[in-house]
Amino acid sequence: MLLFLDTADINELKALADTGLIDGVTTNPSLVAKEGKPFRPVLKEICTLIDGPVSAEAVALDAAGMVREGKLLRAVADNVVVKLPLTPEGLKACVALSDDGIPVNVTLCFSAVQALLAAKAGAAFISPFVGRLDDGGHDGMELVREIRAIYDQYGFETKILAASLRTPAHVREAALAGADCATLPPAVFRALYKHPLTDLGLEAFMKDWKASGLSVE
């Protein structure tokens, strides 16, 4: 499963890109606004730091505007994926951009039939919002499983990008459910490393090594 960072924070991206484990980035207007910097230079720098797909969202609400903005976003770098909302206008724009060879990440997906429409519109990625469904008392991960079953049944190539993940458990469940990718905040990515038994085991190994008087040299 590919791991994307859900952030527009350049410092975070620089630090975590060095792990060699980050496959892409997702951004949205809220994340970019937090940075307090001009959008296009921020996007350009993100695309320079990360070789994989970088989702950048169009903010127009009509299909023509989304297509226009999508082409401007794609012109920033070859690894930009245009992010569009799962609305009638968004899907119209998805068809137009996809037909033009520009990959699209359809976002704000909350049902399997919405995901079906996005795949038919040629989306490169579909982003089911797991955490937001959980917040409303639904099983967000069940949506990922439903989309996986539908896409496999009909041979759709759209990749399932599990989004709105809040915990390492969400990441584990997304992988088990068959998501192709998961996007997560930097804090959740860092938490993937952590387990108390790992820390205890390392502490014991180092204690024994020190007591042995041995050297690797």
N, C-alpha and C. Protein backbone atom coordinates (compact mmCIF):
# COMPACT_ATOMS: atom_id res chain seq x y z
N MET A 1 0.84 -1.20 0.00
CA MET A 1 0.00 0.00 0.00
C MET A 1 0.88 1.25 0.00
N LEU A 2 0.55 2.20 -0.87
CA LEU A 2 1.30 3.45 -0.92
C LEU A 2 0.90 4.32 0.25
N LEU A 3 1.87 5.04 0.81
CA LEU A 3 1.61 5.94 1.93
C LEU A 3 1.85 7.38 1.49
N PHE A 4 0.80 8.20 1.59
CA PHE A 4 0.87 9.61 1.26
C PHE A 4 0.78 10.42 2.55
N LEU A 5 1.40 11.60 2.55
CA LEU A 5 1.26 12.54 3.67
C LEU A 5 0.19 13.56 3.33
N ASP A 6 -0.70 13.80 4.28
CA ASP A 6 -1.77 14.77 4.10
C ASP A 6 -1.34 16.07 4.77
N THR A 7 -0.62 16.88 4.04
CA THR A 7 -0.07 18.11 4.62
C THR A 7 0.44 19.03 3.52
N ALA A 8 0.57 20.31 3.85
CA ALA A 8 1.24 21.27 2.97
C ALA A 8 2.41 21.92 3.70
N ASP A 9 2.77 21.34 4.85
CA ASP A 9 3.85 21.87 5.69
C ASP A 9 5.20 21.44 5.10
N ILE A 10 5.93 22.37 4.54
CA ILE A 10 7.19 22.06 3.87
C ILE A 10 8.20 21.47 4.85
N ASN A 11 8.28 21.99 6.07
CA ASN A 11 9.25 21.47 7.03
C ASN A 11 8.96 20.01 7.38
N GLU A 12 7.68 19.70 7.57
CA GLU A 12 7.30 18.30 7.84
C GLU A 12 7.67 17.41 6.66
N LEU A 13 7.38 17.88 5.47
CA LEU A 13 7.67 17.08 4.29
C LEU A 13 9.17 16.84 4.11
N LYS A 14 9.97 17.87 4.35
CA LYS A 14 11.41 17.70 4.24
C LYS A 14 11.91 16.64 5.21
N ALA A 15 11.41 16.69 6.43
CA ALA A 15 11.86 15.74 7.46
C ALA A 15 11.44 14.31 7.12
N LEU A 16 10.21 14.14 6.67
CA LEU A 16 9.70 12.79 6.45
C LEU A 16 10.04 12.23 5.08
N ALA A 17 10.31 13.09 4.11
CA ALA A 17 10.74 12.59 2.80
C ALA A 17 12.06 11.83 2.92
N ASP A 18 12.88 12.22 3.88
CA ASP A 18 14.17 11.57 4.08
C ASP A 18 14.05 10.12 4.53
N THR A 19 12.87 9.71 4.99
CA THR A 19 12.70 8.31 5.41
C THR A 19 12.70 7.37 4.22
N GLY A 20 12.39 7.89 3.04
CA GLY A 20 12.28 7.04 1.87
C GLY A 20 11.01 6.22 1.82
N LEU A 21 10.06 6.53 2.71
CA LEU A 21 8.83 5.76 2.83
C LEU A 21 7.59 6.49 2.34
N ILE A 22 7.77 7.74 1.91
CA ILE A 22 6.63 8.56 1.49
C ILE A 22 6.47 8.46 -0.02
N ASP A 23 5.28 8.03 -0.44
CA ASP A 23 5.03 7.80 -1.87
C ASP A 23 4.31 8.95 -2.56
N GLY A 24 3.76 9.87 -1.80
CA GLY A 24 3.01 10.97 -2.40
C GLY A 24 2.50 11.92 -1.34
N VAL A 25 1.75 12.92 -1.77
CA VAL A 25 1.23 13.95 -0.86
C VAL A 25 -0.19 14.31 -1.30
N THR A 26 -1.04 14.57 -0.33
CA THR A 26 -2.34 15.16 -0.63
C THR A 26 -2.44 16.50 0.09
N THR A 27 -3.02 17.46 -0.58
CA THR A 27 -3.27 18.76 0.03
C THR A 27 -4.74 19.11 -0.19
N ASN A 28 -5.19 20.11 0.52
CA ASN A 28 -6.53 20.67 0.29
C ASN A 28 -6.48 22.14 0.64
N PRO A 29 -7.51 22.91 0.30
CA PRO A 29 -7.48 24.35 0.57
C PRO A 29 -7.24 24.69 2.05
N SER A 30 -7.79 23.88 2.95
CA SER A 30 -7.62 24.14 4.39
C SER A 30 -6.16 24.00 4.79
N LEU A 31 -5.50 22.93 4.31
CA LEU A 31 -4.09 22.70 4.66
C LEU A 31 -3.19 23.79 4.08
N VAL A 32 -3.45 24.18 2.85
CA VAL A 32 -2.62 25.21 2.21
C VAL A 32 -2.81 26.55 2.90
N ALA A 33 -4.05 26.87 3.31
CA ALA A 33 -4.33 28.14 3.97
C ALA A 33 -3.56 28.28 5.28
N LYS A 34 -3.33 27.16 5.96
CA LYS A 34 -2.60 27.20 7.24
C LYS A 34 -1.17 27.67 7.06
N GLU A 35 -0.62 27.48 5.88
CA GLU A 35 0.78 27.83 5.66
C GLU A 35 0.99 29.33 5.50
N GLY A 36 -0.06 30.07 5.13
CA GLY A 36 0.05 31.52 5.01
C GLY A 36 1.02 31.98 3.95
N LYS A 37 1.17 31.18 2.88
CA LYS A 37 2.11 31.51 1.81
C LYS A 37 1.38 31.40 0.47
N PRO A 38 1.91 32.03 -0.58
CA PRO A 38 1.30 31.89 -1.91
C PRO A 38 1.22 30.42 -2.32
N PHE A 39 0.11 30.05 -2.94
CA PHE A 39 -0.18 28.64 -3.19
C PHE A 39 0.77 27.98 -4.19
N ARG A 40 0.94 28.59 -5.35
CA ARG A 40 1.71 27.91 -6.40
C ARG A 40 3.17 27.66 -6.02
N PRO A 41 3.87 28.61 -5.38
CA PRO A 41 5.24 28.30 -4.94
C PRO A 41 5.29 27.16 -3.93
N VAL A 42 4.30 27.10 -3.03
CA VAL A 42 4.25 25.99 -2.06
C VAL A 42 4.06 24.67 -2.80
N LEU A 43 3.13 24.64 -3.74
CA LEU A 43 2.89 23.43 -4.51
C LEU A 43 4.13 23.01 -5.28
N LYS A 44 4.81 23.95 -5.88
CA LYS A 44 6.02 23.65 -6.65
C LYS A 44 7.08 23.03 -5.75
N GLU A 45 7.25 23.57 -4.55
CA GLU A 45 8.26 23.03 -3.64
C GLU A 45 7.89 21.62 -3.18
N ILE A 46 6.61 21.40 -2.90
CA ILE A 46 6.17 20.05 -2.52
C ILE A 46 6.48 19.06 -3.63
N CYS A 47 6.20 19.45 -4.87
CA CYS A 47 6.43 18.56 -6.01
C CYS A 47 7.91 18.30 -6.24
N THR A 48 8.75 19.21 -5.82
CA THR A 48 10.19 19.01 -5.91
C THR A 48 10.67 18.04 -4.84
N LEU A 49 10.07 18.11 -3.65
CA LEU A 49 10.48 17.24 -2.54
C LEU A 49 10.01 15.80 -2.73
N ILE A 50 8.85 15.63 -3.33
CA ILE A 50 8.22 14.31 -3.46
C ILE A 50 8.08 13.94 -4.93
N ASP A 51 8.62 12.79 -5.31
CA ASP A 51 8.56 12.37 -6.70
C ASP A 51 7.18 11.83 -7.09
N GLY A 52 6.45 11.28 -6.12
CA GLY A 52 5.17 10.65 -6.40
C GLY A 52 4.06 11.66 -6.60
N PRO A 53 2.82 11.17 -6.73
CA PRO A 53 1.69 12.05 -7.00
C PRO A 53 1.43 13.05 -5.88
N VAL A 54 1.17 14.28 -6.25
CA VAL A 54 0.85 15.36 -5.31
C VAL A 54 -0.52 15.91 -5.68
N SER A 55 -1.50 15.67 -4.83
CA SER A 55 -2.86 16.12 -5.11
C SER A 55 -3.03 17.58 -4.72
N ALA A 56 -3.50 18.38 -5.67
CA ALA A 56 -3.77 19.79 -5.43
C ALA A 56 -5.19 20.08 -5.90
N GLU A 57 -5.96 20.77 -5.08
CA GLU A 57 -7.40 20.88 -5.31
C GLU A 57 -7.79 22.14 -6.08
N ALA A 58 -8.64 21.95 -7.07
CA ALA A 58 -9.28 23.09 -7.73
C ALA A 58 -10.36 23.63 -6.80
N VAL A 59 -10.58 24.94 -6.82
CA VAL A 59 -11.55 25.53 -5.90
C VAL A 59 -12.78 26.10 -6.61
N ALA A 60 -12.78 26.07 -7.93
CA ALA A 60 -13.98 26.48 -8.66
C ALA A 60 -15.10 25.48 -8.37
N LEU A 61 -16.34 25.91 -8.53
CA LEU A 61 -17.49 25.03 -8.29
C LEU A 61 -18.16 24.56 -9.57
N ASP A 62 -17.80 25.16 -10.70
CA ASP A 62 -18.37 24.76 -11.98
C ASP A 62 -17.34 23.97 -12.78
N ALA A 63 -17.84 23.10 -13.68
CA ALA A 63 -16.94 22.21 -14.41
C ALA A 63 -15.92 22.98 -15.24
N ALA A 64 -16.36 24.02 -15.93
CA ALA A 64 -15.44 24.77 -16.77
C ALA A 64 -14.32 25.40 -15.94
N GLY A 65 -14.70 25.95 -14.78
CA GLY A 65 -13.70 26.54 -13.89
C GLY A 65 -12.74 25.49 -13.34
N MET A 66 -13.27 24.32 -13.00
CA MET A 66 -12.41 23.25 -12.48
C MET A 66 -11.42 22.79 -13.54
N VAL A 67 -11.87 22.67 -14.78
CA VAL A 67 -10.98 22.27 -15.86
C VAL A 67 -9.88 23.31 -16.07
N ARG A 68 -10.28 24.57 -16.06
CA ARG A 68 -9.30 25.64 -16.24
C ARG A 68 -8.26 25.62 -15.11
N GLU A 69 -8.72 25.54 -13.87
CA GLU A 69 -7.80 25.51 -12.73
C GLU A 69 -6.97 24.23 -12.73
N GLY A 70 -7.60 23.12 -13.13
CA GLY A 70 -6.87 21.86 -13.17
C GLY A 70 -5.68 21.92 -14.12
N LYS A 71 -5.87 22.55 -15.26
CA LYS A 71 -4.77 22.67 -16.22
C LYS A 71 -3.67 23.58 -15.68
N LEU A 72 -4.06 24.63 -14.96
CA LEU A 72 -3.06 25.51 -14.34
C LEU A 72 -2.27 24.77 -13.27
N LEU A 73 -2.96 23.96 -12.47
CA LEU A 73 -2.28 23.19 -11.43
C LEU A 73 -1.32 22.17 -12.04
N ARG A 74 -1.77 21.49 -13.06
CA ARG A 74 -0.93 20.48 -13.71
C ARG A 74 0.30 21.11 -14.33
N ALA A 75 0.20 22.35 -14.75
CA ALA A 75 1.34 23.04 -15.37
C ALA A 75 2.45 23.32 -14.36
N VAL A 76 2.14 23.26 -13.07
CA VAL A 76 3.17 23.51 -12.04
C VAL A 76 4.22 22.42 -12.05
N ALA A 77 3.78 21.16 -12.19
CA ALA A 77 4.71 20.03 -12.20
C ALA A 77 4.01 18.80 -12.77
N ASP A 78 4.83 17.90 -13.33
CA ASP A 78 4.27 16.71 -13.98
C ASP A 78 3.66 15.71 -13.00
N ASN A 79 3.99 15.84 -11.70
CA ASN A 79 3.44 14.88 -10.73
C ASN A 79 2.22 15.43 -9.99
N VAL A 80 1.69 16.57 -10.44
CA VAL A 80 0.46 17.09 -9.85
C VAL A 80 -0.73 16.25 -10.30
N VAL A 81 -1.56 15.88 -9.31
CA VAL A 81 -2.84 15.23 -9.57
C VAL A 81 -3.92 16.24 -9.17
N VAL A 82 -4.84 16.50 -10.06
CA VAL A 82 -5.87 17.49 -9.79
C VAL A 82 -6.95 16.87 -8.90
N LYS A 83 -7.25 17.54 -7.82
CA LYS A 83 -8.22 17.05 -6.85
C LYS A 83 -9.56 17.77 -7.09
N LEU A 84 -10.62 16.98 -7.27
CA LEU A 84 -11.94 17.53 -7.56
C LEU A 84 -12.98 16.92 -6.62
N PRO A 85 -14.02 17.68 -6.27
CA PRO A 85 -15.05 17.15 -5.38
C PRO A 85 -16.01 16.21 -6.11
N LEU A 86 -16.60 15.30 -5.35
CA LEU A 86 -17.53 14.34 -5.93
C LEU A 86 -18.91 14.99 -6.04
N THR A 87 -19.02 15.87 -7.02
CA THR A 87 -20.27 16.56 -7.34
C THR A 87 -20.53 16.35 -8.84
N PRO A 88 -21.73 16.63 -9.33
CA PRO A 88 -21.96 16.52 -10.77
C PRO A 88 -20.96 17.34 -11.60
N GLU A 89 -20.70 18.57 -11.16
CA GLU A 89 -19.74 19.41 -11.87
C GLU A 89 -18.32 18.85 -11.76
N GLY A 90 -17.99 18.32 -10.59
CA GLY A 90 -16.68 17.74 -10.40
C GLY A 90 -16.44 16.53 -11.30
N LEU A 91 -17.47 15.70 -11.45
CA LEU A 91 -17.33 14.53 -12.31
C LEU A 91 -17.27 14.91 -13.79
N LYS A 92 -18.00 15.95 -14.17
CA LYS A 92 -17.88 16.45 -15.55
C LYS A 92 -16.44 16.88 -15.82
N ALA A 93 -15.89 17.62 -14.89
CA ALA A 93 -14.51 18.09 -15.03
C ALA A 93 -13.54 16.92 -15.03
N CYS A 94 -13.84 15.90 -14.22
CA CYS A 94 -12.99 14.71 -14.17
C CYS A 94 -12.92 14.04 -15.53
N VAL A 95 -14.06 13.90 -16.19
CA VAL A 95 -14.09 13.31 -17.53
C VAL A 95 -13.22 14.12 -18.49
N ALA A 96 -13.38 15.45 -18.46
CA ALA A 96 -12.65 16.31 -19.39
C ALA A 96 -11.15 16.26 -19.15
N LEU A 97 -10.74 16.35 -17.88
CA LEU A 97 -9.31 16.34 -17.56
C LEU A 97 -8.70 14.97 -17.82
N SER A 98 -9.41 13.92 -17.45
CA SER A 98 -8.89 12.57 -17.68
C SER A 98 -8.73 12.29 -19.17
N ASP A 99 -9.69 12.73 -19.96
CA ASP A 99 -9.59 12.57 -21.41
C ASP A 99 -8.40 13.34 -21.98
N ASP A 100 -7.98 14.37 -21.26
CA ASP A 100 -6.85 15.20 -21.68
C ASP A 100 -5.53 14.67 -21.12
N GLY A 101 -5.58 13.53 -20.45
CA GLY A 101 -4.36 12.93 -19.91
C GLY A 101 -3.92 13.47 -18.57
N ILE A 102 -4.78 14.23 -17.89
CA ILE A 102 -4.45 14.79 -16.58
C ILE A 102 -5.10 13.94 -15.49
N PRO A 103 -4.31 13.36 -14.59
CA PRO A 103 -4.88 12.49 -13.56
C PRO A 103 -5.68 13.28 -12.53
N VAL A 104 -6.77 12.66 -12.06
CA VAL A 104 -7.68 13.32 -11.14
C VAL A 104 -7.88 12.46 -9.90
N ASN A 105 -7.87 13.11 -8.75
CA ASN A 105 -8.22 12.50 -7.47
C ASN A 105 -9.59 13.04 -7.08
N VAL A 106 -10.61 12.18 -7.14
CA VAL A 106 -11.95 12.61 -6.75
C VAL A 106 -12.10 12.45 -5.25
N THR A 107 -12.42 13.54 -4.58
CA THR A 107 -12.40 13.58 -3.12
C THR A 107 -13.81 13.74 -2.54
N LEU A 108 -13.89 13.65 -1.21
CA LEU A 108 -15.16 13.77 -0.50
C LEU A 108 -16.13 12.67 -0.91
N CYS A 109 -15.62 11.45 -0.96
CA CYS A 109 -16.45 10.28 -1.29
C CYS A 109 -16.97 9.66 0.00
N PHE A 110 -18.30 9.46 0.05
CA PHE A 110 -18.91 8.89 1.25
C PHE A 110 -19.82 7.70 0.95
N SER A 111 -19.86 7.25 -0.31
CA SER A 111 -20.67 6.07 -0.62
C SER A 111 -20.05 5.30 -1.77
N ALA A 112 -20.39 4.01 -1.84
CA ALA A 112 -19.83 3.15 -2.89
C ALA A 112 -20.34 3.55 -4.27
N VAL A 113 -21.59 3.99 -4.35
CA VAL A 113 -22.10 4.38 -5.67
C VAL A 113 -21.45 5.67 -6.15
N GLN A 114 -21.08 6.55 -5.23
CA GLN A 114 -20.30 7.72 -5.63
C GLN A 114 -18.96 7.27 -6.22
N ALA A 115 -18.33 6.29 -5.57
CA ALA A 115 -17.05 5.78 -6.06
C ALA A 115 -17.20 5.13 -7.42
N LEU A 116 -18.32 4.48 -7.67
CA LEU A 116 -18.60 3.89 -8.98
C LEU A 116 -18.64 4.97 -10.05
N LEU A 117 -19.33 6.07 -9.76
CA LEU A 117 -19.41 7.18 -10.71
C LEU A 117 -18.03 7.77 -11.00
N ALA A 118 -17.22 7.91 -9.96
CA ALA A 118 -15.88 8.48 -10.14
C ALA A 118 -15.03 7.59 -11.05
N ALA A 119 -15.13 6.28 -10.86
CA ALA A 119 -14.37 5.36 -11.70
C ALA A 119 -14.83 5.47 -13.15
N LYS A 120 -16.14 5.56 -13.35
CA LYS A 120 -16.67 5.69 -14.71
C LYS A 120 -16.25 7.01 -15.35
N ALA A 121 -16.01 8.02 -14.51
CA ALA A 121 -15.56 9.32 -15.02
C ALA A 121 -14.07 9.35 -15.32
N GLY A 122 -13.37 8.23 -15.03
CA GLY A 122 -11.96 8.14 -15.36
C GLY A 122 -11.01 8.59 -14.27
N ALA A 123 -11.48 8.70 -13.03
CA ALA A 123 -10.63 9.16 -11.93
C ALA A 123 -9.41 8.24 -11.76
N ALA A 124 -8.26 8.84 -11.53
CA ALA A 124 -7.06 8.06 -11.21
C ALA A 124 -7.12 7.57 -9.77
N PHE A 125 -7.71 8.40 -8.88
CA PHE A 125 -7.84 8.06 -7.46
C PHE A 125 -9.24 8.39 -6.99
N ILE A 126 -9.74 7.62 -6.04
CA ILE A 126 -10.96 7.96 -5.31
C ILE A 126 -10.61 8.03 -3.83
N SER A 127 -11.07 9.08 -3.17
CA SER A 127 -10.71 9.30 -1.76
C SER A 127 -11.93 9.17 -0.85
N PRO A 128 -12.18 7.94 -0.34
CA PRO A 128 -13.23 7.78 0.67
C PRO A 128 -12.75 8.33 2.01
N PHE A 129 -13.62 9.12 2.67
CA PHE A 129 -13.26 9.80 3.91
C PHE A 129 -13.68 8.93 5.11
N VAL A 130 -12.78 8.07 5.51
CA VAL A 130 -13.06 7.07 6.54
C VAL A 130 -13.40 7.70 7.88
N GLY A 131 -12.53 8.59 8.35
CA GLY A 131 -12.71 9.17 9.68
C GLY A 131 -13.99 9.98 9.80
N ARG A 132 -14.34 10.70 8.77
CA ARG A 132 -15.56 11.51 8.85
C ARG A 132 -16.81 10.63 8.91
N LEU A 133 -16.77 9.48 8.23
CA LEU A 133 -17.88 8.54 8.35
C LEU A 133 -17.96 7.97 9.76
N ASP A 134 -16.80 7.62 10.32
CA ASP A 134 -16.76 7.13 11.70
C ASP A 134 -17.34 8.16 12.66
N ASP A 135 -17.02 9.43 12.42
CA ASP A 135 -17.52 10.49 13.29
C ASP A 135 -19.04 10.52 13.32
N GLY A 136 -19.66 10.14 12.20
CA GLY A 136 -21.11 10.16 12.11
C GLY A 136 -21.76 8.85 12.54
N GLY A 137 -20.97 7.96 13.14
CA GLY A 137 -21.52 6.70 13.63
C GLY A 137 -21.57 5.59 12.59
N HIS A 138 -20.93 5.80 11.43
CA HIS A 138 -20.89 4.79 10.38
C HIS A 138 -19.56 4.03 10.42
N ASP A 139 -19.47 2.94 9.68
CA ASP A 139 -18.23 2.17 9.58
C ASP A 139 -17.49 2.64 8.33
N GLY A 140 -16.56 3.57 8.52
CA GLY A 140 -15.87 4.14 7.38
C GLY A 140 -15.08 3.11 6.59
N MET A 141 -14.50 2.12 7.29
CA MET A 141 -13.69 1.14 6.59
C MET A 141 -14.52 0.18 5.76
N GLU A 142 -15.80 0.02 6.12
CA GLU A 142 -16.67 -0.80 5.30
C GLU A 142 -16.83 -0.20 3.91
N LEU A 143 -16.81 1.13 3.84
CA LEU A 143 -16.88 1.79 2.54
C LEU A 143 -15.68 1.40 1.68
N VAL A 144 -14.50 1.36 2.26
CA VAL A 144 -13.31 0.95 1.51
C VAL A 144 -13.48 -0.47 0.98
N ARG A 145 -13.99 -1.37 1.81
CA ARG A 145 -14.20 -2.75 1.38
C ARG A 145 -15.23 -2.83 0.24
N GLU A 146 -16.29 -2.03 0.34
CA GLU A 146 -17.31 -2.04 -0.72
C GLU A 146 -16.73 -1.53 -2.05
N ILE A 147 -15.96 -0.46 -1.98
CA ILE A 147 -15.36 0.08 -3.20
C ILE A 147 -14.40 -0.94 -3.81
N ARG A 148 -13.60 -1.58 -2.96
CA ARG A 148 -12.66 -2.61 -3.45
C ARG A 148 -13.40 -3.71 -4.20
N ALA A 149 -14.52 -4.17 -3.63
CA ALA A 149 -15.29 -5.24 -4.26
C ALA A 149 -15.85 -4.79 -5.61
N ILE A 150 -16.38 -3.57 -5.67
CA ILE A 150 -16.96 -3.07 -6.93
C ILE A 150 -15.88 -2.89 -7.99
N TYR A 151 -14.77 -2.29 -7.62
CA TYR A 151 -13.70 -2.05 -8.59
C TYR A 151 -13.12 -3.36 -9.11
N ASP A 152 -12.94 -4.33 -8.21
CA ASP A 152 -12.43 -5.63 -8.64
C ASP A 152 -13.43 -6.35 -9.54
N GLN A 153 -14.71 -6.22 -9.22
CA GLN A 153 -15.77 -6.89 -9.99
C GLN A 153 -15.78 -6.43 -11.45
N TYR A 154 -15.53 -5.14 -11.66
CA TYR A 154 -15.65 -4.57 -13.01
C TYR A 154 -14.33 -4.17 -13.64
N GLY A 155 -13.23 -4.42 -12.94
CA GLY A 155 -11.92 -4.14 -13.51
C GLY A 155 -11.57 -2.67 -13.62
N PHE A 156 -12.16 -1.83 -12.77
CA PHE A 156 -11.80 -0.42 -12.78
C PHE A 156 -10.35 -0.25 -12.30
N GLU A 157 -9.64 0.68 -12.92
CA GLU A 157 -8.24 0.91 -12.57
C GLU A 157 -8.07 2.05 -11.56
N THR A 158 -9.14 2.72 -11.21
CA THR A 158 -9.08 3.80 -10.22
C THR A 158 -8.51 3.27 -8.90
N LYS A 159 -7.54 3.97 -8.35
CA LYS A 159 -6.92 3.53 -7.10
C LYS A 159 -7.70 4.08 -5.90
N ILE A 160 -7.88 3.22 -4.91
CA ILE A 160 -8.58 3.62 -3.68
C ILE A 160 -7.57 4.26 -2.74
N LEU A 161 -7.80 5.54 -2.45
CA LEU A 161 -6.90 6.32 -1.58
C LEU A 161 -7.66 6.59 -0.27
N ALA A 162 -7.46 5.74 0.71
CA ALA A 162 -8.16 5.90 1.99
C ALA A 162 -7.73 7.21 2.64
N ALA A 163 -8.71 8.05 2.95
CA ALA A 163 -8.43 9.40 3.47
C ALA A 163 -9.12 9.61 4.80
N SER A 164 -8.79 10.73 5.43
CA SER A 164 -9.33 11.06 6.75
C SER A 164 -9.01 9.94 7.74
N LEU A 165 -7.74 9.51 7.73
CA LEU A 165 -7.28 8.49 8.66
C LEU A 165 -6.68 9.18 9.89
N ARG A 166 -7.08 8.72 11.06
CA ARG A 166 -6.70 9.42 12.29
C ARG A 166 -5.75 8.64 13.20
N THR A 167 -5.60 7.34 12.97
CA THR A 167 -4.81 6.50 13.88
C THR A 167 -4.05 5.44 13.09
N PRO A 168 -3.00 4.85 13.70
CA PRO A 168 -2.34 3.70 13.07
C PRO A 168 -3.31 2.54 12.82
N ALA A 169 -4.30 2.39 13.69
CA ALA A 169 -5.30 1.33 13.47
C ALA A 169 -6.06 1.55 12.18
N HIS A 170 -6.35 2.79 11.86
CA HIS A 170 -7.00 3.10 10.58
C HIS A 170 -6.11 2.66 9.41
N VAL A 171 -4.82 2.90 9.53
CA VAL A 171 -3.89 2.53 8.45
C VAL A 171 -3.87 1.02 8.28
N ARG A 172 -3.80 0.29 9.40
CA ARG A 172 -3.83 -1.17 9.35
C ARG A 172 -5.11 -1.68 8.70
N GLU A 173 -6.23 -1.12 9.11
CA GLU A 173 -7.52 -1.57 8.59
C GLU A 173 -7.65 -1.25 7.10
N ALA A 174 -7.12 -0.09 6.69
CA ALA A 174 -7.17 0.27 5.28
C ALA A 174 -6.36 -0.72 4.44
N ALA A 175 -5.20 -1.12 4.94
CA ALA A 175 -4.38 -2.10 4.23
C ALA A 175 -5.10 -3.44 4.13
N LEU A 176 -5.73 -3.87 5.22
CA LEU A 176 -6.46 -5.13 5.22
C LEU A 176 -7.69 -5.09 4.31
N ALA A 177 -8.29 -3.90 4.18
CA ALA A 177 -9.49 -3.75 3.36
C ALA A 177 -9.16 -3.67 1.87
N GLY A 178 -7.88 -3.56 1.54
CA GLY A 178 -7.49 -3.54 0.13
C GLY A 178 -7.30 -2.18 -0.48
N ALA A 179 -7.16 -1.13 0.35
CA ALA A 179 -6.89 0.20 -0.21
C ALA A 179 -5.54 0.18 -0.94
N ASP A 180 -5.48 0.87 -2.06
CA ASP A 180 -4.22 0.97 -2.80
C ASP A 180 -3.27 1.95 -2.15
N CYS A 181 -3.82 2.98 -1.52
CA CYS A 181 -3.03 4.05 -0.92
C CYS A 181 -3.75 4.52 0.34
N ALA A 182 -3.00 5.16 1.21
CA ALA A 182 -3.58 5.80 2.39
C ALA A 182 -2.90 7.14 2.57
N THR A 183 -3.67 8.16 2.89
CA THR A 183 -3.09 9.46 3.17
C THR A 183 -3.33 9.79 4.63
N LEU A 184 -2.26 10.24 5.31
CA LEU A 184 -2.35 10.43 6.74
C LEU A 184 -1.53 11.63 7.18
N PRO A 185 -1.94 12.25 8.28
CA PRO A 185 -1.18 13.39 8.80
C PRO A 185 0.21 12.93 9.26
N PRO A 186 1.18 13.84 9.27
CA PRO A 186 2.53 13.47 9.71
C PRO A 186 2.56 12.80 11.09
N ALA A 187 1.74 13.26 12.03
CA ALA A 187 1.75 12.68 13.37
C ALA A 187 1.33 11.21 13.34
N VAL A 188 0.37 10.88 12.49
CA VAL A 188 -0.06 9.48 12.38
C VAL A 188 1.03 8.65 11.70
N PHE A 189 1.69 9.21 10.70
CA PHE A 189 2.80 8.48 10.07
C PHE A 189 3.87 8.15 11.10
N ARG A 190 4.24 9.12 11.92
CA ARG A 190 5.28 8.86 12.92
C ARG A 190 4.83 7.80 13.93
N ALA A 191 3.55 7.77 14.23
CA ALA A 191 3.03 6.80 15.19
C ALA A 191 3.09 5.38 14.65
N LEU A 192 3.22 5.20 13.33
CA LEU A 192 3.29 3.85 12.77
C LEU A 192 4.53 3.10 13.26
N TYR A 193 5.57 3.83 13.58
CA TYR A 193 6.80 3.19 14.06
C TYR A 193 6.65 2.62 15.47
N LYS A 194 5.77 3.18 16.24
CA LYS A 194 5.81 2.99 17.69
C LYS A 194 5.11 1.71 18.16
N HIS A 195 5.81 1.01 19.06
CA HIS A 195 5.22 -0.09 19.82
C HIS A 195 6.05 -0.25 21.09
N PRO A 196 5.42 -0.35 22.25
CA PRO A 196 6.18 -0.43 23.50
C PRO A 196 7.14 -1.62 23.55
N LEU A 197 6.78 -2.73 22.93
CA LEU A 197 7.66 -3.90 22.95
C LEU A 197 8.90 -3.68 22.10
N THR A 198 8.79 -2.87 21.06
CA THR A 198 9.97 -2.52 20.27
C THR A 198 10.96 -1.74 21.13
N ASP A 199 10.45 -0.76 21.88
CA ASP A 199 11.31 0.06 22.74
C ASP A 199 11.95 -0.79 23.84
N LEU A 200 11.16 -1.67 24.45
CA LEU A 200 11.69 -2.53 25.51
C LEU A 200 12.73 -3.51 24.97
N GLY A 201 12.45 -4.06 23.79
CA GLY A 201 13.38 -5.00 23.19
C GLY A 201 14.70 -4.35 22.86
N LEU A 202 14.66 -3.15 22.29
CA LEU A 202 15.89 -2.44 21.95
C LEU A 202 16.68 -2.10 23.20
N GLU A 203 15.97 -1.68 24.24
CA GLU A 203 16.64 -1.35 25.50
C GLU A 203 17.36 -2.58 26.06
N ALA A 204 16.72 -3.74 25.99
CA ALA A 204 17.34 -4.97 26.50
C ALA A 204 18.55 -5.37 25.65
N PHE A 205 18.42 -5.27 24.33
CA PHE A 205 19.54 -5.62 23.45
C PHE A 205 20.75 -4.74 23.74
N MET A 206 20.53 -3.42 23.88
CA MET A 206 21.63 -2.49 24.11
C MET A 206 22.28 -2.72 25.46
N LYS A 207 21.47 -3.06 26.45
CA LYS A 207 22.02 -3.36 27.79
C LYS A 207 22.93 -4.57 27.74
N ASP A 208 22.47 -5.63 27.06
CA ASP A 208 23.28 -6.85 26.96
C ASP A 208 24.55 -6.61 26.15
N TRP A 209 24.45 -5.81 25.09
CA TRP A 209 25.60 -5.53 24.25
C TRP A 209 26.66 -4.76 25.04
N LYS A 210 26.19 -3.75 25.78
CA LYS A 210 27.14 -2.96 26.58
C LYS A 210 27.84 -3.82 27.60
N ALA A 211 27.11 -4.74 28.24
CA ALA A 211 27.71 -5.60 29.27
C ALA A 211 28.69 -6.60 28.66
N SER A 212 28.53 -6.93 27.37
CA SER A 212 29.39 -7.94 26.77
C SER A 212 30.80 -7.45 26.50
N GLY A 213 30.97 -6.13 26.33
CA GLY A 213 32.27 -5.58 26.01
C GLY A 213 32.69 -5.80 24.58
N LEU A 214 31.77 -6.29 23.73
CA LEU A 214 32.09 -6.58 22.34
C LEU A 214 32.02 -5.31 21.49
N SER A 215 32.52 -5.41 20.26
CA SER A 215 32.49 -4.30 19.32
C SER A 215 32.21 -4.82 17.92
N VAL A 216 31.52 -4.01 17.11
CA VAL A 216 31.26 -4.42 15.73
C VAL A 216 32.44 -4.10 14.82
N GLU A 217 33.43 -3.40 15.33
CA GLU A 217 34.57 -3.00 14.51
C GLU A 217 35.69 -4.02 14.61
